[in-house]
Amino acid sequence: MLARIAMKFRTTKVKDIKVSSLSYSSLLQIGDAKQIESKLDALAVQKEGGTDSDKGFELERYPIFDSTVKHFPNPEAVEGVHCHHQHDISIPIIDVTAISSSSIVQLGSTNCIQSLARQKHIRIIRSENKERV
């Protein structure tokens, strides 16, 4: 449910942040934003014995990448009042191993976040009846 909360925004104070890996349409947002959008279409092909080319593996060949995403309707509004005993949020250390595939880590506030990741994994394995080279 959408929450309409009567409160003041609080400042986030972070002494140290460590992100080991950030990839594939992902975002580390420091500060406030009105809207964040991230989208990823990924095709992962794993072929036993390796592959020389990506020919024949175009995204257009797979219906998942042309599909229309159905969004949920806006939820009913819920009103609430909160009492914060501190004016800020203090965090000494944030340690993130990885941010990947259209993911978002944010220090701050956002009014609207839309994130979409469509992934297709293909594994091509040699037949057990064929002699291995």
C-alpha atoms as a PDB file:
ATOM      1  CA  MET A   1       0.000   0.000   0.000  1.00  0.00           C
ATOM      2  CA  LEU A   2       1.086   3.556  -0.675  1.00  0.00           C
ATOM      3  CA  ALA A   3       1.826   5.357   2.559  1.00  0.00           C
ATOM      4  CA  ARG A   4       1.216   9.062   2.942  1.00  0.00           C
ATOM      5  CA  ILE A   5       3.082   9.872   6.082  1.00  0.00           C
ATOM      6  CA  ALA A   6       3.099  13.222   7.848  1.00  0.00           C
ATOM      7  CA  MET A   7       6.780  13.513   8.729  1.00  0.00           C
ATOM      8  CA  LYS A   8       9.863  15.536   7.969  1.00  0.00           C
ATOM      9  CA  PHE A   9      12.596  14.053   5.836  1.00  0.00           C
ATOM     10  CA  ARG A  10      15.641  12.936   7.763  1.00  0.00           C
ATOM     11  CA  THR A  11      19.265  13.225   6.715  1.00  0.00           C
ATOM     12  CA  THR A  12      21.205  10.012   6.221  1.00  0.00           C
ATOM     13  CA  LYS A  13      24.767  10.151   7.527  1.00  0.00           C
ATOM     14  CA  VAL A  14      27.099   7.382   6.392  1.00  0.00           C
ATOM     15  CA  LYS A  15      30.738   7.441   7.467  1.00  0.00           C
ATOM     16  CA  ASP A  16      31.949   4.797   4.986  1.00  0.00           C
ATOM     17  CA  ILE A  17      30.427   2.799   2.116  1.00  0.00           C
ATOM     18  CA  LYS A  18      32.173  -0.014   0.239  1.00  0.00           C
ATOM     19  CA  VAL A  19      30.698  -1.560  -2.913  1.00  0.00           C
ATOM     20  CA  SER A  20      32.773  -4.419  -4.325  1.00  0.00           C
ATOM     21  CA  SER A  21      30.952  -4.755  -7.648  1.00  0.00           C
ATOM     22  CA  LEU A  22      28.375  -2.719  -9.572  1.00  0.00           C
ATOM     23  CA  SER A  23      27.279  -3.876 -13.028  1.00  0.00           C
ATOM     24  CA  TYR A  24      24.580  -4.394 -15.662  1.00  0.00           C
ATOM     25  CA  SER A  25      22.308  -1.333 -15.468  1.00  0.00           C
ATOM     26  CA  SER A  26      22.612  -1.039 -11.692  1.00  0.00           C
ATOM     27  CA  LEU A  27      22.858   2.126  -9.657  1.00  0.00           C
ATOM     28  CA  LEU A  28      24.458   3.425  -6.482  1.00  0.00           C
ATOM     29  CA  GLN A  29      22.528   6.646  -5.800  1.00  0.00           C
ATOM     30  CA  ILE A  30      23.848   8.979  -3.127  1.00  0.00           C
ATOM     31  CA  GLY A  31      21.335  11.717  -2.442  1.00  0.00           C
ATOM     32  CA  ASP A  32      17.670  12.285  -3.168  1.00  0.00           C
ATOM     33  CA  ALA A  33      15.951  11.711  -6.513  1.00  0.00           C
ATOM     34  CA  LYS A  34      12.457  12.321  -7.838  1.00  0.00           C
ATOM     35  CA  GLN A  35      12.477   9.209 -10.023  1.00  0.00           C
ATOM     36  CA  ILE A  36      14.849   6.326 -10.757  1.00  0.00           C
ATOM     37  CA  GLU A  37      14.457   3.959 -13.703  1.00  0.00           C
ATOM     38  CA  SER A  38      16.716   1.048 -14.556  1.00  0.00           C
ATOM     39  CA  LYS A  39      16.233  -1.583 -17.238  1.00  0.00           C
ATOM     40  CA  LEU A  40      18.247  -4.607 -18.303  1.00  0.00           C
ATOM     41  CA  ASP A  41      17.710  -7.105 -21.116  1.00  0.00           C
ATOM     42  CA  ALA A  42      20.340  -9.843 -20.821  1.00  0.00           C
ATOM     43  CA  LEU A  43      20.949 -13.029 -22.755  1.00  0.00           C
ATOM     44  CA  ALA A  44      23.477 -15.400 -21.190  1.00  0.00           C
ATOM     45  CA  VAL A  45      24.725 -18.244 -23.387  1.00  0.00           C
ATOM     46  CA  GLN A  46      26.911 -20.933 -21.894  1.00  0.00           C
ATOM     47  CA  LYS A  47      28.179 -23.500 -24.394  1.00  0.00           C
ATOM     48  CA  GLU A  48      30.188 -26.527 -23.377  1.00  0.00           C
ATOM     49  CA  GLY A  49      33.490 -26.293 -25.202  1.00  0.00           C
ATOM     50  CA  GLY A  50      33.099 -22.545 -25.809  1.00  0.00           C
ATOM     51  CA  THR A  51      31.679 -20.487 -28.648  1.00  0.00           C
ATOM     52  CA  ASP A  52      33.364 -18.335 -31.290  1.00  0.00           C
ATOM     53  CA  SER A  53      30.499 -15.916 -31.942  1.00  0.00           C
ATOM     54  CA  ASP A  54      27.210 -14.578 -30.635  1.00  0.00           C
ATOM     55  CA  LYS A  55      25.524 -14.978 -34.050  1.00  0.00           C
ATOM     56  CA  GLY A  56      22.164 -16.692 -33.794  1.00  0.00           C
ATOM     57  CA  PHE A  57      21.594 -15.391 -30.273  1.00  0.00           C
ATOM     58  CA  GLU A  58      19.979 -12.009 -31.035  1.00  0.00           C
ATOM     59  CA  LEU A  59      17.525 -10.710 -28.424  1.00  0.00           C
ATOM     60  CA  GLU A  60      14.774 -10.378 -31.059  1.00  0.00           C
ATOM     61  CA  ARG A  61      14.627 -14.197 -31.383  1.00  0.00           C
ATOM     62  CA  TYR A  62      13.313 -14.607 -27.820  1.00  0.00           C
ATOM     63  CA  PRO A  63       9.744 -13.530 -26.917  1.00  0.00           C
ATOM     64  CA  ILE A  64      10.655 -12.638 -23.323  1.00  0.00           C
ATOM     65  CA  PHE A  65      12.408  -9.470 -24.559  1.00  0.00           C
ATOM     66  CA  ASP A  66       9.361  -8.291 -26.566  1.00  0.00           C
ATOM     67  CA  SER A  67       6.813  -8.988 -23.826  1.00  0.00           C
ATOM     68  CA  THR A  68       4.843  -6.133 -22.305  1.00  0.00           C
ATOM     69  CA  VAL A  69       5.197  -5.739 -18.572  1.00  0.00           C
ATOM     70  CA  LYS A  70       1.937  -5.429 -16.674  1.00  0.00           C
ATOM     71  CA  HIS A  71       2.245  -2.853 -13.925  1.00  0.00           C
ATOM     72  CA  PHE A  72       0.319  -3.129 -10.708  1.00  0.00           C
ATOM     73  CA  PRO A  73      -2.400  -0.498 -10.223  1.00  0.00           C
ATOM     74  CA  ASN A  74      -1.716   2.287  -7.748  1.00  0.00           C
ATOM     75  CA  PRO A  75      -2.460   0.963  -4.268  1.00  0.00           C
ATOM     76  CA  GLU A  76      -4.901   2.421  -1.820  1.00  0.00           C
ATOM     77  CA  ALA A  77      -3.447   5.286   0.203  1.00  0.00           C
ATOM     78  CA  VAL A  78      -2.802   4.768   3.903  1.00  0.00           C
ATOM     79  CA  GLU A  79      -2.243   7.733   6.163  1.00  0.00           C
ATOM     80  CA  GLY A  80      -0.013   7.574   9.220  1.00  0.00           C
ATOM     81  CA  VAL A  81       1.949   9.705  11.654  1.00  0.00           C
ATOM     82  CA  HIS A  82       5.433   8.790  12.880  1.00  0.00           C
ATOM     83  CA  CYS A  83       7.550  10.202  15.680  1.00  0.00           C
ATOM     84  CA  HIS A  84      11.295  10.026  15.053  1.00  0.00           C
ATOM     85  CA  HIS A  85      13.433  10.469  18.147  1.00  0.00           C
ATOM     86  CA  GLN A  86      16.495  11.415  16.091  1.00  0.00           C
ATOM     87  CA  HIS A  87      16.645  14.033  13.326  1.00  0.00           C
ATOM     88  CA  ASP A  88      19.031  11.945  11.256  1.00  0.00           C
ATOM     89  CA  ILE A  89      19.876   8.346  10.424  1.00  0.00           C
ATOM     90  CA  SER A  90      23.510   7.593  11.308  1.00  0.00           C
ATOM     91  CA  ILE A  91      25.229   4.493   9.932  1.00  0.00           C
ATOM     92  CA  PRO A  92      28.945   3.905  10.489  1.00  0.00           C
ATOM     93  CA  ILE A  93      29.670   1.445   7.621  1.00  0.00           C
ATOM     94  CA  ILE A  94      27.756  -0.042   4.684  1.00  0.00           C
ATOM     95  CA  ASP A  95      29.443  -3.007   2.983  1.00  0.00           C
ATOM     96  CA  VAL A  96      27.793  -4.248  -0.229  1.00  0.00           C
ATOM     97  CA  THR A  97      29.140  -7.327  -1.994  1.00  0.00           C
ATOM     98  CA  ALA A  98      27.442  -6.730  -5.364  1.00  0.00           C
ATOM     99  CA  ILE A  99      24.771  -4.672  -7.110  1.00  0.00           C
ATOM    100  CA  SER A 100      23.701  -6.241 -10.399  1.00  0.00           C
ATOM    101  CA  SER A 101      20.963  -6.707 -12.999  1.00  0.00           C
ATOM    102  CA  SER A 102      18.987  -3.468 -12.733  1.00  0.00           C
ATOM    103  CA  SER A 103      19.281  -3.247  -8.923  1.00  0.00           C
ATOM    104  CA  ILE A 104      19.430  -0.029  -6.924  1.00  0.00           C
ATOM    105  CA  VAL A 105      21.135   0.897  -3.657  1.00  0.00           C
ATOM    106  CA  GLN A 106      20.247   4.400  -2.523  1.00  0.00           C
ATOM    107  CA  LEU A 107      21.251   6.633   0.356  1.00  0.00           C
ATOM    108  CA  GLY A 108      18.457   9.180   0.357  1.00  0.00           C
ATOM    109  CA  SER A 109      14.810   9.325  -0.645  1.00  0.00           C
ATOM    110  CA  THR A 110      12.984   8.710  -3.915  1.00  0.00           C
ATOM    111  CA  ASN A 111       9.405   9.360  -4.907  1.00  0.00           C
ATOM    112  CA  CYS A 112       9.211   6.681  -7.623  1.00  0.00           C
ATOM    113  CA  ILE A 113      11.440   3.713  -8.543  1.00  0.00           C
ATOM    114  CA  GLN A 114      10.852   1.537 -11.608  1.00  0.00           C
ATOM    115  CA  SER A 115      13.232  -1.324 -12.216  1.00  0.00           C
ATOM    116  CA  LEU A 116      13.024  -4.095 -14.797  1.00  0.00           C
ATOM    117  CA  ALA A 117      15.377  -6.992 -15.488  1.00  0.00           C
ATOM    118  CA  ARG A 118      14.596  -9.576 -18.166  1.00  0.00           C
ATOM    119  CA  GLN A 119      17.127 -12.386 -18.411  1.00  0.00           C
ATOM    120  CA  LYS A 120      17.257 -15.522 -20.524  1.00  0.00           C
ATOM    121  CA  HIS A 121      19.844 -18.210 -19.769  1.00  0.00           C
ATOM    122  CA  ILE A 122      20.768 -20.783 -22.418  1.00  0.00           C
ATOM    123  CA  ARG A 123      23.042 -23.733 -21.734  1.00  0.00           C
ATOM    124  CA  ILE A 124      24.238 -25.826 -24.664  1.00  0.00           C
ATOM    125  CA  ILE A 125      25.584 -29.188 -23.517  1.00  0.00           C
ATOM    126  CA  ARG A 126      27.193 -31.789 -25.747  1.00  0.00           C
ATOM    127  CA  SER A 127      25.286 -35.003 -26.171  1.00  0.00           C
ATOM    128  CA  GLU A 128      26.626 -37.823 -23.989  1.00  0.00           C
ATOM    129  CA  ASN A 129      26.454 -40.156 -26.995  1.00  0.00           C
ATOM    130  CA  LYS A 130      29.031 -38.109 -28.914  1.00  0.00           C
ATOM    131  CA  GLU A 131      32.681 -38.768 -28.319  1.00  0.00           C
ATOM    132  CA  ARG A 132      34.393 -35.932 -26.482  1.00  0.00           C
ATOM    133  CA  VAL A 133      37.395 -34.356 -28.185  1.00  0.00           C
END
